[in-house]
PDB file of N, CA and C in Angstrom:
ATOM      1  N   MET A   1     -41.700 -29.646   5.527  1.00  0.00           N
ATOM      2  CA  MET A   1     -41.132 -28.323   5.849  1.00  0.00           C
ATOM      3  C   MET A   1     -40.360 -28.383   7.156  1.00  0.00           C
ATOM      4  N   ILE A   2     -40.839 -29.104   8.058  1.00  0.00           N
ATOM      5  CA  ILE A   2     -40.217 -29.187   9.397  1.00  0.00           C
ATOM      6  C   ILE A   2     -38.897 -29.867   9.345  1.00  0.00           C
ATOM      7  N   GLU A   3     -38.640 -30.668   8.313  1.00  0.00           N
ATOM      8  CA  GLU A   3     -37.334 -31.365   8.158  1.00  0.00           C
ATOM      9  C   GLU A   3     -36.238 -30.328   7.911  1.00  0.00           C
ATOM     10  N   PHE A   4     -36.538 -29.233   7.234  1.00  0.00           N
ATOM     11  CA  PHE A   4     -35.565 -28.175   6.998  1.00  0.00           C
ATOM     12  C   PHE A   4     -35.169 -27.480   8.300  1.00  0.00           C
ATOM     13  N   VAL A   5     -36.083 -27.332   9.197  1.00  0.00           N
ATOM     14  CA  VAL A   5     -35.744 -26.787  10.485  1.00  0.00           C
ATOM     15  C   VAL A   5     -34.755 -27.739  11.253  1.00  0.00           C
ATOM     16  N   TYR A   6     -35.010 -29.035  11.249  1.00  0.00           N
ATOM     17  CA  TYR A   6     -34.146 -29.931  11.883  1.00  0.00           C
ATOM     18  C   TYR A   6     -32.767 -29.960  11.246  1.00  0.00           C
ATOM     19  N   VAL A   7     -32.723 -29.920   9.985  1.00  0.00           N
ATOM     20  CA  VAL A   7     -31.447 -29.865   9.264  1.00  0.00           C
ATOM     21  C   VAL A   7     -30.683 -28.582   9.612  1.00  0.00           C
ATOM     22  N   GLY A   8     -31.368 -27.492   9.713  1.00  0.00           N
ATOM     23  CA  GLY A   8     -30.737 -26.174  10.060  1.00  0.00           C
ATOM     24  C   GLY A   8     -30.228 -26.253  11.521  1.00  0.00           C
ATOM     25  N   ILE A   9     -30.938 -26.795  12.435  1.00  0.00           N
ATOM     26  CA  ILE A   9     -30.491 -26.943  13.829  1.00  0.00           C
ATOM     27  C   ILE A   9     -29.267 -27.817  13.854  1.00  0.00           C
ATOM     28  N   PHE A  10     -29.276 -28.922  13.113  1.00  0.00           N
ATOM     29  CA  PHE A  10     -28.144 -29.859  13.061  1.00  0.00           C
ATOM     30  C   PHE A  10     -26.921 -29.135  12.483  1.00  0.00           C
ATOM     31  N   TYR A  11     -27.014 -28.360  11.441  1.00  0.00           N
ATOM     32  CA  TYR A  11     -25.889 -27.618  10.873  1.00  0.00           C
ATOM     33  C   TYR A  11     -25.404 -26.569  11.854  1.00  0.00           C
ATOM     34  N   VAL A  12     -26.203 -25.909  12.622  1.00  0.00           N
ATOM     35  CA  VAL A  12     -25.798 -24.944  13.577  1.00  0.00           C
ATOM     36  C   VAL A  12     -24.937 -25.619  14.610  1.00  0.00           C
ATOM     37  N   ILE A  13     -25.398 -26.751  15.134  1.00  0.00           N
ATOM     38  CA  ILE A  13     -24.639 -27.523  16.147  1.00  0.00           C
ATOM     39  C   ILE A  13     -23.293 -27.943  15.627  1.00  0.00           C
ATOM     40  N   LEU A  14     -23.257 -28.473  14.391  1.00  0.00           N
ATOM     41  CA  LEU A  14     -21.985 -28.830  13.803  1.00  0.00           C
ATOM     42  C   LEU A  14     -21.066 -27.584  13.629  1.00  0.00           C
ATOM     43  N   ALA A  15     -21.652 -26.530  13.213  1.00  0.00           N
ATOM     44  CA  ALA A  15     -20.736 -25.247  13.048  1.00  0.00           C
ATOM     45  C   ALA A  15     -20.221 -24.816  14.306  1.00  0.00           C
ATOM     46  N   LEU A  16     -20.959 -24.868  15.380  1.00  0.00           N
ATOM     47  CA  LEU A  16     -20.468 -24.471  16.684  1.00  0.00           C
ATOM     48  C   LEU A  16     -19.334 -25.405  17.194  1.00  0.00           C
ATOM     49  N   MET A  17     -19.447 -26.687  16.914  1.00  0.00           N
ATOM     50  CA  MET A  17     -18.394 -27.587  17.281  1.00  0.00           C
ATOM     51  C   MET A  17     -17.159 -27.292  16.506  1.00  0.00           C
ATOM     52  N   LEU A  18     -17.338 -27.034  15.224  1.00  0.00           N
ATOM     53  CA  LEU A  18     -16.158 -26.659  14.399  1.00  0.00           C
ATOM     54  C   LEU A  18     -15.524 -25.288  14.758  1.00  0.00           C
ATOM     55  N   LEU A  19     -16.395 -24.398  15.187  1.00  0.00           N
ATOM     56  CA  LEU A  19     -15.878 -23.089  15.655  1.00  0.00           C
ATOM     57  C   LEU A  19     -15.032 -23.249  16.818  1.00  0.00           C
ATOM     58  N   TYR A  20     -15.389 -24.136  17.733  1.00  0.00           N
ATOM     59  CA  TYR A  20     -14.604 -24.459  18.918  1.00  0.00           C
ATOM     60  C   TYR A  20     -13.222 -24.963  18.449  1.00  0.00           C
ATOM     61  N   ARG A  21     -13.207 -25.785  17.404  1.00  0.00           N
ATOM     62  CA  ARG A  21     -11.939 -26.353  16.882  1.00  0.00           C
ATOM     63  C   ARG A  21     -11.105 -25.234  16.237  1.00  0.00           C
ATOM     64  N   VAL A  22     -11.782 -24.264  15.611  1.00  0.00           N
ATOM     65  CA  VAL A  22     -11.018 -23.172  15.067  1.00  0.00           C
ATOM     66  C   VAL A  22     -10.383 -22.347  16.124  1.00  0.00           C
ATOM     67  N   LEU A  23     -11.092 -22.067  17.215  1.00  0.00           N
ATOM     68  CA  LEU A  23     -10.563 -21.191  18.287  1.00  0.00           C
ATOM     69  C   LEU A  23      -9.533 -21.969  19.140  1.00  0.00           C
ATOM     70  N   LYS A  24      -9.758 -23.237  19.476  1.00  0.00           N
ATOM     71  CA  LYS A  24      -8.895 -23.942  20.414  1.00  0.00           C
ATOM     72  C   LYS A  24      -8.125 -25.124  19.761  1.00  0.00           C
ATOM     73  N   GLY A  25      -7.976 -25.092  18.460  1.00  0.00           N
ATOM     74  CA  GLY A  25      -7.303 -26.263  17.777  1.00  0.00           C
ATOM     75  C   GLY A  25      -5.909 -26.457  18.314  1.00  0.00           C
ATOM     76  N   PRO A  26      -5.475 -27.672  18.363  1.00  0.00           N
ATOM     77  CA  PRO A  26      -4.117 -27.933  18.796  1.00  0.00           C
ATOM     78  C   PRO A  26      -3.041 -27.445  17.831  1.00  0.00           C
ATOM     79  N   SER A  27      -3.337 -27.324  16.566  1.00  0.00           N
ATOM     80  CA  SER A  27      -2.347 -26.861  15.565  1.00  0.00           C
ATOM     81  C   SER A  27      -3.020 -25.997  14.551  1.00  0.00           C
ATOM     82  N   VAL A  28      -2.203 -25.352  13.764  1.00  0.00           N
ATOM     83  CA  VAL A  28      -2.667 -24.497  12.694  1.00  0.00           C
ATOM     84  C   VAL A  28      -3.408 -25.313  11.617  1.00  0.00           C
ATOM     85  N   VAL A  29      -2.883 -26.515  11.388  1.00  0.00           N
ATOM     86  CA  VAL A  29      -3.525 -27.324  10.336  1.00  0.00           C
ATOM     87  C   VAL A  29      -4.959 -27.729  10.731  1.00  0.00           C
ATOM     88  N   ASP A  30      -5.090 -28.114  12.016  1.00  0.00           N
ATOM     89  CA  ASP A  30      -6.458 -28.412  12.491  1.00  0.00           C
ATOM     90  C   ASP A  30      -7.410 -27.259  12.375  1.00  0.00           C
ATOM     91  N   ARG A  31      -6.878 -26.096  12.662  1.00  0.00           N
ATOM     92  CA  ARG A  31      -7.769 -24.895  12.536  1.00  0.00           C
ATOM     93  C   ARG A  31      -8.112 -24.648  11.120  1.00  0.00           C
ATOM     94  N   ALA A  32      -7.188 -24.840  10.141  1.00  0.00           N
ATOM     95  CA  ALA A  32      -7.485 -24.643   8.780  1.00  0.00           C
ATOM     96  C   ALA A  32      -8.511 -25.672   8.262  1.00  0.00           C
ATOM     97  N   VAL A  33      -8.419 -26.856   8.670  1.00  0.00           N
ATOM     98  CA  VAL A  33      -9.361 -27.932   8.297  1.00  0.00           C
ATOM     99  C   VAL A  33     -10.739 -27.579   8.843  1.00  0.00           C
ATOM    100  N   ALA A  34     -10.801 -27.120  10.110  1.00  0.00           N
ATOM    101  CA  ALA A  34     -12.095 -26.760  10.665  1.00  0.00           C
ATOM    102  C   ALA A  34     -12.732 -25.604   9.990  1.00  0.00           C
ATOM    103  N   ALA A  35     -11.923 -24.622   9.622  1.00  0.00           N
ATOM    104  CA  ALA A  35     -12.431 -23.436   8.900  1.00  0.00           C
ATOM    105  C   ALA A  35     -12.970 -23.877   7.536  1.00  0.00           C
ATOM    106  N   ASP A  36     -12.259 -24.757   6.849  1.00  0.00           N
ATOM    107  CA  ASP A  36     -12.753 -25.279   5.561  1.00  0.00           C
ATOM    108  C   ASP A  36     -13.973 -26.050   5.720  1.00  0.00           C
ATOM    109  N   SER A  37     -14.135 -26.798   6.799  1.00  0.00           N
ATOM    110  CA  SER A  37     -15.362 -27.548   7.041  1.00  0.00           C
ATOM    111  C   SER A  37     -16.538 -26.615   7.301  1.00  0.00           C
ATOM    112  N   ILE A  38     -16.347 -25.517   8.005  1.00  0.00           N
ATOM    113  CA  ILE A  38     -17.347 -24.519   8.214  1.00  0.00           C
ATOM    114  C   ILE A  38     -17.815 -23.948   6.909  1.00  0.00           C
ATOM    115  N   ASP A  39     -16.864 -23.706   6.014  1.00  0.00           N
ATOM    116  CA  ASP A  39     -17.150 -23.229   4.688  1.00  0.00           C
ATOM    117  C   ASP A  39     -18.063 -24.213   3.884  1.00  0.00           C
ATOM    118  N   ILE A  40     -17.712 -25.457   4.013  1.00  0.00           N
ATOM    119  CA  ILE A  40     -18.519 -26.475   3.301  1.00  0.00           C
ATOM    120  C   ILE A  40     -19.897 -26.549   3.876  1.00  0.00           C
ATOM    121  N   LEU A  41     -20.031 -26.500   5.205  1.00  0.00           N
ATOM    122  CA  LEU A  41     -21.293 -26.520   5.895  1.00  0.00           C
ATOM    123  C   LEU A  41     -22.168 -25.304   5.458  1.00  0.00           C
ATOM    124  N   THR A  42     -21.538 -24.156   5.290  1.00  0.00           N
ATOM    125  CA  THR A  42     -22.266 -22.990   4.861  1.00  0.00           C
ATOM    126  C   THR A  42     -22.785 -23.158   3.445  1.00  0.00           C
ATOM    127  N   ALA A  43     -21.938 -23.739   2.561  1.00  0.00           N
ATOM    128  CA  ALA A  43     -22.383 -23.963   1.172  1.00  0.00           C
ATOM    129  C   ALA A  43     -23.526 -24.944   1.144  1.00  0.00           C
ATOM    130  N   ILE A  44     -23.465 -25.989   1.957  1.00  0.00           N
ATOM    131  CA  ILE A  44     -24.541 -26.936   1.993  1.00  0.00           C
ATOM    132  C   ILE A  44     -25.830 -26.308   2.554  1.00  0.00           C
ATOM    133  N   ALA A  45     -25.689 -25.465   3.591  1.00  0.00           N
ATOM    134  CA  ALA A  45     -26.833 -24.779   4.159  1.00  0.00           C
ATOM    135  C   ALA A  45     -27.535 -23.865   3.088  1.00  0.00           C
ATOM    136  N   LEU A  46     -26.672 -23.227   2.289  1.00  0.00           N
ATOM    137  CA  LEU A  46     -27.241 -22.432   1.187  1.00  0.00           C
ATOM    138  C   LEU A  46     -27.967 -23.300   0.162  1.00  0.00           C
ATOM    139  N   ILE A  47     -27.452 -24.473  -0.130  1.00  0.00           N
ATOM    140  CA  ILE A  47     -28.147 -25.351  -1.072  1.00  0.00           C
ATOM    141  C   ILE A  47     -29.464 -25.792  -0.502  1.00  0.00           C
ATOM    142  N   VAL A  48     -29.502 -26.148   0.770  1.00  0.00           N
ATOM    143  CA  VAL A  48     -30.752 -26.529   1.370  1.00  0.00           C
ATOM    144  C   VAL A  48     -31.753 -25.409   1.341  1.00  0.00           C
ATOM    145  N   PHE A  49     -31.252 -24.206   1.689  1.00  0.00           N
ATOM    146  CA  PHE A  49     -32.156 -23.060   1.658  1.00  0.00           C
ATOM    147  C   PHE A  49     -32.667 -22.718   0.270  1.00  0.00           C
ATOM    148  N   SER A  50     -31.839 -22.956  -0.755  1.00  0.00           N
ATOM    149  CA  SER A  50     -32.228 -22.821  -2.123  1.00  0.00           C
ATOM    150  C   SER A  50     -33.335 -23.746  -2.457  1.00  0.00           C
ATOM    151  N   ILE A  51     -33.259 -24.988  -1.998  1.00  0.00           N
ATOM    152  CA  ILE A  51     -34.346 -25.962  -2.236  1.00  0.00           C
ATOM    153  C   ILE A  51     -35.599 -25.497  -1.523  1.00  0.00           C
ATOM    154  N   TYR A  52     -35.480 -25.051  -0.245  1.00  0.00           N
ATOM    155  CA  TYR A  52     -36.597 -24.617   0.546  1.00  0.00           C
ATOM    156  C   TYR A  52     -37.301 -23.440  -0.087  1.00  0.00           C
ATOM    157  N   SER A  53     -36.570 -22.427  -0.543  1.00  0.00           N
ATOM    158  CA  SER A  53     -37.147 -21.214  -1.053  1.00  0.00           C
ATOM    159  C   SER A  53     -37.462 -21.244  -2.525  1.00  0.00           C
ATOM    160  N   ASN A  54     -36.994 -22.313  -3.247  1.00  0.00           N
ATOM    161  CA  ASN A  54     -37.206 -22.560  -4.702  1.00  0.00           C
ATOM    162  C   ASN A  54     -36.616 -21.404  -5.477  1.00  0.00           C
ATOM    163  N   ARG A  55     -35.424 -20.931  -5.065  1.00  0.00           N
ATOM    164  CA  ARG A  55     -34.732 -19.869  -5.811  1.00  0.00           C
ATOM    165  C   ARG A  55     -33.327 -20.351  -6.134  1.00  0.00           C
ATOM    166  N   SER A  56     -32.842 -20.175  -7.332  1.00  0.00           N
ATOM    167  CA  SER A  56     -31.618 -20.736  -7.779  1.00  0.00           C
ATOM    168  C   SER A  56     -30.421 -19.803  -7.513  1.00  0.00           C
ATOM    169  N   ILE A  57     -30.643 -18.587  -7.095  1.00  0.00           N
ATOM    170  CA  ILE A  57     -29.550 -17.635  -6.882  1.00  0.00           C
ATOM    171  C   ILE A  57     -28.703 -18.150  -5.744  1.00  0.00           C
ATOM    172  N   TYR A  58     -29.300 -18.876  -4.748  1.00  0.00           N
ATOM    173  CA  TYR A  58     -28.532 -19.347  -3.622  1.00  0.00           C
ATOM    174  C   TYR A  58     -27.595 -20.503  -4.058  1.00  0.00           C
ATOM    175  N   LEU A  59     -27.920 -21.231  -5.121  1.00  0.00           N
ATOM    176  CA  LEU A  59     -27.006 -22.224  -5.627  1.00  0.00           C
ATOM    177  C   LEU A  59     -25.746 -21.567  -6.196  1.00  0.00           C
ATOM    178  N   ASP A  60     -25.893 -20.479  -6.862  1.00  0.00           N
ATOM    179  CA  ASP A  60     -24.787 -19.717  -7.406  1.00  0.00           C
ATOM    180  C   ASP A  60     -23.854 -19.210  -6.271  1.00  0.00           C
ATOM    181  N   ILE A  61     -24.508 -18.663  -5.249  1.00  0.00           N
ATOM    182  CA  ILE A  61     -23.744 -18.170  -4.114  1.00  0.00           C
ATOM    183  C   ILE A  61     -22.980 -19.291  -3.439  1.00  0.00           C
ATOM    184  N   ALA A  62     -23.640 -20.491  -3.318  1.00  0.00           N
ATOM    185  CA  ALA A  62     -23.005 -21.554  -2.671  1.00  0.00           C
ATOM    186  C   ALA A  62     -21.817 -22.138  -3.549  1.00  0.00           C
ATOM    187  N   LEU A  63     -21.943 -22.073  -4.809  1.00  0.00           N
ATOM    188  CA  LEU A  63     -20.828 -22.506  -5.655  1.00  0.00           C
ATOM    189  C   LEU A  63     -19.603 -21.598  -5.535  1.00  0.00           C
ATOM    190  N   VAL A  64     -19.893 -20.253  -5.572  1.00  0.00           N
ATOM    191  CA  VAL A  64     -18.764 -19.303  -5.445  1.00  0.00           C
ATOM    192  C   VAL A  64     -18.139 -19.453  -4.025  1.00  0.00           C
ATOM    193  N   LEU A  65     -18.935 -19.625  -3.008  1.00  0.00           N
ATOM    194  CA  LEU A  65     -18.440 -19.785  -1.659  1.00  0.00           C
ATOM    195  C   LEU A  65     -17.500 -21.038  -1.579  1.00  0.00           C
ATOM    196  N   ALA A  66     -17.972 -22.142  -2.158  1.00  0.00           N
ATOM    197  CA  ALA A  66     -17.182 -23.337  -2.116  1.00  0.00           C
ATOM    198  C   ALA A  66     -15.867 -23.245  -2.821  1.00  0.00           C
ATOM    199  N   ILE A  67     -15.879 -22.539  -4.004  1.00  0.00           N
ATOM    200  CA  ILE A  67     -14.693 -22.355  -4.747  1.00  0.00           C
ATOM    201  C   ILE A  67     -13.693 -21.438  -3.975  1.00  0.00           C
ATOM    202  N   LEU A  68     -14.178 -20.386  -3.411  1.00  0.00           N
ATOM    203  CA  LEU A  68     -13.293 -19.461  -2.659  1.00  0.00           C
ATOM    204  C   LEU A  68     -12.734 -20.144  -1.413  1.00  0.00           C
ATOM    205  N   GLY A  69     -13.578 -20.984  -0.816  1.00  0.00           N
ATOM    206  CA  GLY A  69     -13.089 -21.750   0.415  1.00  0.00           C
ATOM    207  C   GLY A  69     -12.012 -22.715   0.020  1.00  0.00           C
ATOM    208  N   PHE A  70     -12.145 -23.384  -1.100  1.00  0.00           N
ATOM    209  CA  PHE A  70     -11.118 -24.296  -1.556  1.00  0.00           C
ATOM    210  C   PHE A  70      -9.830 -23.534  -1.855  1.00  0.00           C
ATOM    211  N   LEU A  71      -9.970 -22.397  -2.576  1.00  0.00           N
ATOM    212  CA  LEU A  71      -8.757 -21.641  -2.901  1.00  0.00           C
ATOM    213  C   LEU A  71      -8.078 -21.136  -1.570  1.00  0.00           C
ATOM    214  N   GLY A  72      -8.853 -20.712  -0.644  1.00  0.00           N
ATOM    215  CA  GLY A  72      -8.252 -20.289   0.656  1.00  0.00           C
ATOM    216  C   GLY A  72      -7.567 -21.407   1.332  1.00  0.00           C
ATOM    217  N   THR A  73      -8.137 -22.624   1.313  1.00  0.00           N
ATOM    218  CA  THR A  73      -7.424 -23.718   1.975  1.00  0.00           C
ATOM    219  C   THR A  73      -6.135 -24.086   1.221  1.00  0.00           C
ATOM    220  N   VAL A  74      -6.154 -24.049  -0.062  1.00  0.00           N
ATOM    221  CA  VAL A  74      -4.911 -24.315  -0.781  1.00  0.00           C
ATOM    222  C   VAL A  74      -3.863 -23.252  -0.518  1.00  0.00           C
ATOM    223  N   LEU A  75      -4.284 -21.996  -0.408  1.00  0.00           N
ATOM    224  CA  LEU A  75      -3.264 -20.925  -0.073  1.00  0.00           C
ATOM    225  C   LEU A  75      -2.732 -21.104   1.327  1.00  0.00           C
ATOM    226  N   ILE A  76      -3.567 -21.471   2.276  1.00  0.00           N
ATOM    227  CA  ILE A  76      -3.075 -21.726   3.629  1.00  0.00           C
ATOM    228  C   ILE A  76      -2.127 -22.886   3.665  1.00  0.00           C
ATOM    229  N   ALA A  77      -2.434 -23.922   2.962  1.00  0.00           N
ATOM    230  CA  ALA A  77      -1.584 -25.101   2.913  1.00  0.00           C
ATOM    231  C   ALA A  77      -0.222 -24.804   2.281  1.00  0.00           C
ATOM    232  N   ARG A  78      -0.210 -24.010   1.215  1.00  0.00           N
ATOM    233  CA  ARG A  78       0.999 -23.605   0.603  1.00  0.00           C
ATOM    234  C   ARG A  78       1.878 -22.698   1.491  1.00  0.00           C
ATOM    235  N   TYR A  79       1.163 -21.841   2.190  1.00  0.00           N
ATOM    236  CA  TYR A  79       1.889 -20.941   3.158  1.00  0.00           C
ATOM    237  C   TYR A  79       2.534 -21.765   4.253  1.00  0.00           C
ATOM    238  N   LEU A  80       1.782 -22.673   4.858  1.00  0.00           N
ATOM    239  CA  LEU A  80       2.318 -23.477   5.915  1.00  0.00           C
ATOM    240  C   LEU A  80       3.444 -24.388   5.445  1.00  0.00           C
ATOM    241  N   GLU A  81       3.407 -24.773   4.155  1.00  0.00           N
ATOM    242  CA  GLU A  81       4.462 -25.591   3.612  1.00  0.00           C
ATOM    243  C   GLU A  81       5.693 -24.787   3.343  1.00  0.00           C
ATOM    244  N   GLY A  82       5.527 -23.485   3.201  1.00  0.00           N
ATOM    245  CA  GLY A  82       6.721 -22.607   3.008  1.00  0.00           C
ATOM    246  C   GLY A  82       6.955 -22.277   1.544  1.00  0.00           C
ATOM    247  N   ARG A  83       6.034 -22.597   0.650  1.00  0.00           N
ATOM    248  CA  ARG A  83       6.222 -22.331  -0.747  1.00  0.00           C
ATOM    249  C   ARG A  83       5.472 -21.053  -1.220  1.00  0.00           C
ATOM    250  N   LEU A  84       5.001 -20.258  -0.290  1.00  0.00           N
ATOM    251  CA  LEU A  84       4.278 -19.048  -0.678  1.00  0.00           C
ATOM    252  C   LEU A  84       4.927 -17.830  -0.077  1.00  0.00           C
TER     253      LEU A  84
END
């Protein structure tokens, strides 16, 4: 059980580092990649919490979050490319 606490602390540290990149990124593309990485970390954290709590609803939420994050990244990329 204590391993889940260590994993959670590690994910929080990673998310804070990525949040810094979102706020101070040198370009818009770097900020979009960092935001997508935060989305992926959140989905992974939900999967780990689902395993910890033994409830499958969090897996469904993680799947929807990952799909929406991917679609958001594709839309940002198309907008920056000028095709949207």
